[in-house]
Amino acid sequence: MARGDNRAVLFVTDHIGPALRRRERCLVLAGIPSVLESERRPSAIYYKLCVADADAVPAHLALAMGGCARPPRLREPATPALIDGLGDVAGMLRDEAGFAAARLLAAVWAAAPLLIATLLDSGA
């Protein structure tokens, strides 16, 4: 990539470290040419990892596949809310009541012929 070409900046940091090296390695493995540029500012020297404009989307995908993507901003809460837990307990109790009713009905159906025979014998 020539310096005068249109370029996309993929990553900016104020020091050369493992994060920058990981991103460079992802691009090399994907076969995407990149350039590391430095820019001096009053506060520090900033290093920019750049690729050609045409390679911007494949470069972002390569970084995402390599584990260098930004984490999602919205996350599920680590612990479920109380109302969610109560809803789960209510659903479990409803299921258990259904199972108990089915077992009771099966027991009545199984005992019905014996009960009818007993009633007919005692009434005669």
N, C-alpha and C. Protein backbone atom coordinates (compact mmCIF):
# COMPACT_ATOMS: atom_id res chain seq x y z
N MET A 1 0.85 -1.18 0.00
CA MET A 1 0.00 0.00 0.00
C MET A 1 0.89 1.24 0.00
N ALA A 2 0.74 2.07 -0.99
CA ALA A 2 1.54 3.29 -1.07
C ALA A 2 1.03 4.32 -0.07
N ARG A 3 1.89 5.18 0.36
CA ARG A 3 1.55 6.14 1.40
C ARG A 3 0.49 7.14 0.95
N GLY A 4 0.43 7.48 -0.33
CA GLY A 4 -0.50 8.49 -0.80
C GLY A 4 -1.89 7.94 -1.09
N ASP A 5 -2.06 6.62 -1.10
CA ASP A 5 -3.37 6.03 -1.40
C ASP A 5 -4.37 6.35 -0.29
N ASN A 6 -5.66 6.23 -0.68
CA ASN A 6 -6.70 6.35 0.35
C ASN A 6 -6.56 5.16 1.28
N ARG A 7 -6.68 5.43 2.56
CA ARG A 7 -6.46 4.36 3.52
C ARG A 7 -7.51 4.41 4.62
N ALA A 8 -7.70 3.28 5.23
CA ALA A 8 -8.61 3.16 6.37
C ALA A 8 -7.78 2.85 7.60
N VAL A 9 -8.06 3.56 8.67
CA VAL A 9 -7.34 3.34 9.93
C VAL A 9 -8.12 2.29 10.72
N LEU A 10 -7.45 1.19 11.04
CA LEU A 10 -8.10 0.09 11.76
C LEU A 10 -7.92 0.17 13.26
N PHE A 11 -6.77 0.68 13.69
CA PHE A 11 -6.45 0.63 15.11
C PHE A 11 -5.50 1.77 15.43
N VAL A 12 -5.72 2.43 16.55
CA VAL A 12 -4.84 3.52 17.01
C VAL A 12 -4.44 3.23 18.45
N THR A 13 -3.17 3.39 18.74
CA THR A 13 -2.67 3.19 20.10
C THR A 13 -1.52 4.15 20.35
N ASP A 14 -1.22 4.35 21.63
CA ASP A 14 -0.11 5.25 21.95
C ASP A 14 1.16 4.49 22.30
N HIS A 15 1.17 3.18 22.19
CA HIS A 15 2.40 2.43 22.41
C HIS A 15 2.38 1.16 21.55
N ILE A 16 3.54 0.70 21.21
CA ILE A 16 3.65 -0.54 20.46
C ILE A 16 3.69 -1.66 21.47
N GLY A 17 2.65 -2.49 21.41
CA GLY A 17 2.55 -3.57 22.39
C GLY A 17 1.87 -4.79 21.80
N PRO A 18 1.48 -5.70 22.68
CA PRO A 18 0.89 -6.95 22.20
C PRO A 18 -0.42 -6.75 21.42
N ALA A 19 -1.23 -5.77 21.79
CA ALA A 19 -2.49 -5.55 21.09
C ALA A 19 -2.24 -5.18 19.63
N LEU A 20 -1.29 -4.33 19.39
CA LEU A 20 -0.95 -3.93 18.02
C LEU A 20 -0.36 -5.11 17.26
N ARG A 21 0.50 -5.86 17.89
CA ARG A 21 1.13 -7.02 17.23
C ARG A 21 0.10 -8.09 16.88
N ARG A 22 -0.89 -8.31 17.76
CA ARG A 22 -1.94 -9.28 17.46
C ARG A 22 -2.71 -8.87 16.21
N ARG A 23 -3.03 -7.60 16.10
CA ARG A 23 -3.78 -7.12 14.94
C ARG A 23 -2.95 -7.21 13.66
N GLU A 24 -1.67 -6.88 13.77
CA GLU A 24 -0.81 -7.02 12.59
C GLU A 24 -0.72 -8.48 12.16
N ARG A 25 -0.62 -9.40 13.12
CA ARG A 25 -0.53 -10.81 12.81
C ARG A 25 -1.81 -11.31 12.14
N CYS A 26 -2.97 -10.85 12.60
CA CYS A 26 -4.24 -11.23 11.97
C CYS A 26 -4.28 -10.80 10.51
N LEU A 27 -3.81 -9.58 10.24
CA LEU A 27 -3.82 -9.09 8.86
C LEU A 27 -2.83 -9.85 8.00
N VAL A 28 -1.67 -10.17 8.54
CA VAL A 28 -0.68 -10.93 7.77
C VAL A 28 -1.23 -12.31 7.44
N LEU A 29 -1.86 -12.98 8.41
CA LEU A 29 -2.43 -14.30 8.17
C LEU A 29 -3.55 -14.25 7.13
N ALA A 30 -4.28 -13.14 7.08
CA ALA A 30 -5.36 -12.99 6.10
C ALA A 30 -4.83 -12.54 4.74
N GLY A 31 -3.56 -12.19 4.67
CA GLY A 31 -2.97 -11.76 3.40
C GLY A 31 -3.35 -10.34 3.01
N ILE A 32 -3.64 -9.51 3.99
CA ILE A 32 -4.04 -8.12 3.73
C ILE A 32 -2.87 -7.22 4.05
N PRO A 33 -2.36 -6.47 3.04
CA PRO A 33 -1.22 -5.59 3.31
C PRO A 33 -1.64 -4.43 4.22
N SER A 34 -0.76 -4.09 5.14
CA SER A 34 -1.04 -3.00 6.08
C SER A 34 0.21 -2.17 6.29
N VAL A 35 0.00 -0.98 6.81
CA VAL A 35 1.09 -0.05 7.09
C VAL A 35 0.91 0.47 8.51
N LEU A 36 2.00 0.56 9.25
CA LEU A 36 1.97 1.16 10.57
C LEU A 36 2.53 2.56 10.46
N GLU A 37 1.70 3.56 10.73
CA GLU A 37 2.12 4.95 10.66
C GLU A 37 2.20 5.52 12.06
N SER A 38 3.12 6.44 12.25
CA SER A 38 3.21 7.12 13.54
C SER A 38 2.89 8.59 13.35
N GLU A 39 2.24 9.15 14.34
CA GLU A 39 1.85 10.55 14.29
C GLU A 39 2.21 11.19 15.63
N ARG A 40 3.05 12.21 15.56
CA ARG A 40 3.48 12.87 16.80
C ARG A 40 2.45 13.92 17.19
N ARG A 41 2.00 13.83 18.43
CA ARG A 41 1.08 14.80 19.01
C ARG A 41 1.73 15.37 20.26
N PRO A 42 1.26 16.50 20.75
CA PRO A 42 1.87 17.06 21.98
C PRO A 42 1.78 16.11 23.18
N SER A 43 0.72 15.30 23.22
CA SER A 43 0.56 14.43 24.39
C SER A 43 1.37 13.15 24.27
N ALA A 44 1.53 12.63 23.04
CA ALA A 44 2.26 11.36 22.86
C ALA A 44 2.43 11.10 21.37
N ILE A 45 3.07 10.00 21.08
CA ILE A 45 3.17 9.53 19.70
C ILE A 45 2.10 8.46 19.53
N TYR A 46 1.27 8.62 18.50
CA TYR A 46 0.21 7.67 18.23
C TYR A 46 0.58 6.82 17.03
N TYR A 47 0.33 5.52 17.14
CA TYR A 47 0.61 4.57 16.07
C TYR A 47 -0.72 4.14 15.47
N LYS A 48 -0.81 4.22 14.13
CA LYS A 48 -2.04 3.88 13.43
C LYS A 48 -1.78 2.71 12.50
N LEU A 49 -2.61 1.68 12.62
CA LEU A 49 -2.55 0.53 11.73
C LEU A 49 -3.53 0.80 10.59
N CYS A 50 -3.01 0.92 9.37
CA CYS A 50 -3.83 1.31 8.22
C CYS A 50 -3.80 0.25 7.14
N VAL A 51 -4.91 0.19 6.39
CA VAL A 51 -5.01 -0.67 5.21
C VAL A 51 -5.61 0.17 4.09
N ALA A 52 -5.54 -0.34 2.87
CA ALA A 52 -6.15 0.36 1.74
C ALA A 52 -7.66 0.39 1.94
N ASP A 53 -8.31 1.43 1.40
CA ASP A 53 -9.76 1.55 1.53
C ASP A 53 -10.49 0.31 1.02
N ALA A 54 -10.02 -0.24 -0.07
CA ALA A 54 -10.68 -1.42 -0.65
C ALA A 54 -10.58 -2.63 0.27
N ASP A 55 -9.59 -2.65 1.16
CA ASP A 55 -9.40 -3.79 2.07
C ASP A 55 -10.00 -3.54 3.46
N ALA A 56 -10.73 -2.46 3.64
CA ALA A 56 -11.22 -2.12 4.98
C ALA A 56 -12.16 -3.17 5.54
N VAL A 57 -13.15 -3.58 4.75
CA VAL A 57 -14.12 -4.55 5.25
C VAL A 57 -13.46 -5.92 5.48
N PRO A 58 -12.70 -6.44 4.52
CA PRO A 58 -12.03 -7.72 4.80
C PRO A 58 -11.08 -7.64 6.00
N ALA A 59 -10.45 -6.48 6.20
CA ALA A 59 -9.54 -6.33 7.35
C ALA A 59 -10.32 -6.38 8.66
N HIS A 60 -11.47 -5.71 8.71
CA HIS A 60 -12.28 -5.76 9.94
C HIS A 60 -12.76 -7.17 10.19
N LEU A 61 -13.15 -7.89 9.14
CA LEU A 61 -13.57 -9.27 9.31
C LEU A 61 -12.42 -10.15 9.78
N ALA A 62 -11.23 -9.91 9.23
CA ALA A 62 -10.06 -10.69 9.66
C ALA A 62 -9.75 -10.44 11.13
N LEU A 63 -9.86 -9.19 11.55
CA LEU A 63 -9.62 -8.88 12.97
C LEU A 63 -10.68 -9.52 13.85
N ALA A 64 -11.93 -9.51 13.39
CA ALA A 64 -13.00 -10.13 14.18
C ALA A 64 -12.79 -11.63 14.29
N MET A 65 -12.40 -12.27 13.19
CA MET A 65 -12.16 -13.71 13.21
C MET A 65 -10.95 -14.06 14.06
N GLY A 66 -10.01 -13.13 14.14
CA GLY A 66 -8.81 -13.36 14.94
C GLY A 66 -8.99 -13.03 16.41
N GLY A 67 -10.19 -12.62 16.81
CA GLY A 67 -10.46 -12.32 18.21
C GLY A 67 -10.10 -10.91 18.63
N CYS A 68 -9.92 -10.02 17.66
CA CYS A 68 -9.54 -8.65 17.99
C CYS A 68 -10.70 -7.68 17.86
N ALA A 69 -11.93 -8.17 17.74
CA ALA A 69 -13.08 -7.29 17.56
C ALA A 69 -13.47 -6.67 18.90
N ARG A 70 -14.22 -5.59 18.82
CA ARG A 70 -14.73 -4.97 20.04
C ARG A 70 -15.79 -5.86 20.65
N PRO A 71 -15.84 -5.93 21.96
CA PRO A 71 -16.90 -6.72 22.59
C PRO A 71 -18.23 -6.02 22.41
N PRO A 72 -19.34 -6.77 22.41
CA PRO A 72 -20.64 -6.12 22.27
C PRO A 72 -20.91 -5.20 23.45
N ARG A 73 -21.55 -4.08 23.18
CA ARG A 73 -21.79 -3.10 24.24
C ARG A 73 -22.92 -3.53 25.17
N LEU A 74 -23.94 -4.17 24.62
CA LEU A 74 -25.05 -4.61 25.45
C LEU A 74 -24.83 -6.05 25.85
N ARG A 75 -24.88 -6.30 27.13
CA ARG A 75 -24.65 -7.64 27.64
C ARG A 75 -25.80 -8.05 28.54
N GLU A 76 -25.98 -9.35 28.62
CA GLU A 76 -26.98 -9.87 29.54
C GLU A 76 -26.46 -9.65 30.97
N PRO A 77 -27.37 -9.38 31.90
CA PRO A 77 -26.91 -9.26 33.29
C PRO A 77 -26.32 -10.57 33.77
N ALA A 78 -25.29 -10.48 34.58
CA ALA A 78 -24.59 -11.67 35.06
C ALA A 78 -25.51 -12.54 35.92
N THR A 79 -26.35 -11.90 36.74
CA THR A 79 -27.28 -12.65 37.57
C THR A 79 -28.69 -12.33 37.10
N PRO A 80 -29.54 -13.34 36.99
CA PRO A 80 -30.89 -13.07 36.51
C PRO A 80 -31.66 -12.23 37.53
N ALA A 81 -32.58 -11.45 37.04
CA ALA A 81 -33.38 -10.60 37.91
C ALA A 81 -34.32 -11.47 38.75
N LEU A 82 -34.78 -10.92 39.85
CA LEU A 82 -35.66 -11.65 40.76
C LEU A 82 -36.94 -12.08 40.06
N ILE A 83 -37.50 -11.22 39.26
CA ILE A 83 -38.75 -11.54 38.56
C ILE A 83 -38.55 -12.71 37.60
N ASP A 84 -37.38 -12.79 36.97
CA ASP A 84 -37.09 -13.92 36.09
C ASP A 84 -37.03 -15.23 36.89
N GLY A 85 -36.41 -15.17 38.04
CA GLY A 85 -36.33 -16.36 38.89
C GLY A 85 -37.69 -16.81 39.38
N LEU A 86 -38.54 -15.85 39.75
CA LEU A 86 -39.89 -16.20 40.20
C LEU A 86 -40.70 -16.78 39.05
N GLY A 87 -40.52 -16.26 37.86
CA GLY A 87 -41.21 -16.81 36.69
C GLY A 87 -40.78 -18.24 36.42
N ASP A 88 -39.49 -18.52 36.59
CA ASP A 88 -38.99 -19.88 36.39
C ASP A 88 -39.58 -20.83 37.43
N VAL A 89 -39.67 -20.39 38.69
CA VAL A 89 -40.23 -21.22 39.75
C VAL A 89 -41.71 -21.47 39.48
N ALA A 90 -42.45 -20.44 39.05
CA ALA A 90 -43.87 -20.61 38.76
C ALA A 90 -44.07 -21.60 37.62
N GLY A 91 -43.24 -21.52 36.60
CA GLY A 91 -43.34 -22.47 35.49
C GLY A 91 -43.05 -23.89 35.93
N MET A 92 -42.05 -24.03 36.80
CA MET A 92 -41.71 -25.36 37.31
C MET A 92 -42.87 -25.93 38.14
N LEU A 93 -43.49 -25.09 39.00
CA LEU A 93 -44.61 -25.56 39.81
C LEU A 93 -45.80 -25.95 38.93
N ARG A 94 -46.05 -25.19 37.88
CA ARG A 94 -47.14 -25.51 36.96
C ARG A 94 -46.88 -26.86 36.29
N ASP A 95 -45.65 -27.08 35.86
CA ASP A 95 -45.31 -28.36 35.23
C ASP A 95 -45.47 -29.52 36.20
N GLU A 96 -45.01 -29.33 37.44
CA GLU A 96 -45.11 -30.39 38.45
C GLU A 96 -46.58 -30.68 38.77
N ALA A 97 -47.42 -29.65 38.83
CA ALA A 97 -48.85 -29.86 39.08
C ALA A 97 -49.48 -30.65 37.94
N GLY A 98 -49.08 -30.37 36.72
CA GLY A 98 -49.58 -31.14 35.57
C GLY A 98 -49.16 -32.59 35.65
N PHE A 99 -47.91 -32.85 36.03
CA PHE A 99 -47.43 -34.23 36.17
C PHE A 99 -48.20 -34.96 37.27
N ALA A 100 -48.45 -34.28 38.40
CA ALA A 100 -49.17 -34.91 39.51
C ALA A 100 -50.60 -35.22 39.11
N ALA A 101 -51.25 -34.31 38.39
CA ALA A 101 -52.62 -34.54 37.95
C ALA A 101 -52.68 -35.71 36.99
N ALA A 102 -51.70 -35.82 36.09
CA ALA A 102 -51.68 -36.93 35.14
C ALA A 102 -51.48 -38.26 35.87
N ARG A 103 -50.63 -38.28 36.88
CA ARG A 103 -50.42 -39.52 37.65
C ARG A 103 -51.67 -39.90 38.44
N LEU A 104 -52.37 -38.90 39.01
CA LEU A 104 -53.60 -39.17 39.75
C LEU A 104 -54.67 -39.72 38.81
N LEU A 105 -54.81 -39.14 37.65
CA LEU A 105 -55.79 -39.61 36.66
C LEU A 105 -55.46 -41.04 36.22
N ALA A 106 -54.19 -41.33 35.98
CA ALA A 106 -53.79 -42.68 35.59
C ALA A 106 -54.10 -43.68 36.71
N ALA A 107 -53.90 -43.28 37.97
CA ALA A 107 -54.19 -44.17 39.09
C ALA A 107 -55.69 -44.44 39.20
N VAL A 108 -56.51 -43.41 38.98
CA VAL A 108 -57.96 -43.58 39.04
C VAL A 108 -58.42 -44.50 37.92
N TRP A 109 -57.88 -44.31 36.72
CA TRP A 109 -58.26 -45.17 35.60
C TRP A 109 -57.85 -46.62 35.86
N ALA A 110 -56.70 -46.81 36.48
CA ALA A 110 -56.24 -48.16 36.78
C ALA A 110 -57.10 -48.81 37.87
N ALA A 111 -57.57 -48.02 38.85
CA ALA A 111 -58.34 -48.56 39.98
C ALA A 111 -59.83 -48.61 39.68
N ALA A 112 -60.31 -47.95 38.65
CA ALA A 112 -61.75 -47.87 38.37
C ALA A 112 -62.40 -49.24 38.19
N PRO A 113 -61.86 -50.16 37.41
CA PRO A 113 -62.53 -51.47 37.27
C PRO A 113 -62.63 -52.21 38.61
N LEU A 114 -61.61 -52.12 39.45
CA LEU A 114 -61.65 -52.78 40.75
C LEU A 114 -62.71 -52.14 41.65
N LEU A 115 -62.81 -50.81 41.64
CA LEU A 115 -63.80 -50.11 42.44
C LEU A 115 -65.23 -50.44 41.98
N ILE A 116 -65.43 -50.50 40.66
CA ILE A 116 -66.76 -50.82 40.13
C ILE A 116 -67.14 -52.25 40.49
N ALA A 117 -66.20 -53.16 40.39
CA ALA A 117 -66.48 -54.56 40.74
C ALA A 117 -66.80 -54.67 42.21
N THR A 118 -66.13 -53.93 43.07
CA THR A 118 -66.38 -53.96 44.52
C THR A 118 -67.76 -53.41 44.81
N LEU A 119 -68.15 -52.33 44.16
CA LEU A 119 -69.46 -51.73 44.38
C LEU A 119 -70.58 -52.67 43.91
N LEU A 120 -70.38 -53.34 42.78
CA LEU A 120 -71.39 -54.24 42.26
C LEU A 120 -71.56 -55.48 43.18
N ASP A 121 -70.44 -55.98 43.73
CA ASP A 121 -70.50 -57.15 44.61
C ASP A 121 -71.16 -56.81 45.95
N SER A 122 -70.89 -55.63 46.48
CA SER A 122 -71.47 -55.27 47.77
C SER A 122 -72.94 -54.89 47.65
N GLY A 123 -73.38 -54.47 46.50
CA GLY A 123 -74.75 -54.06 46.30
C GLY A 123 -75.64 -55.23 46.00
N ALA A 124 -75.16 -56.34 45.63
CA ALA A 124 -76.00 -57.47 45.23
C ALA A 124 -76.40 -58.33 46.35
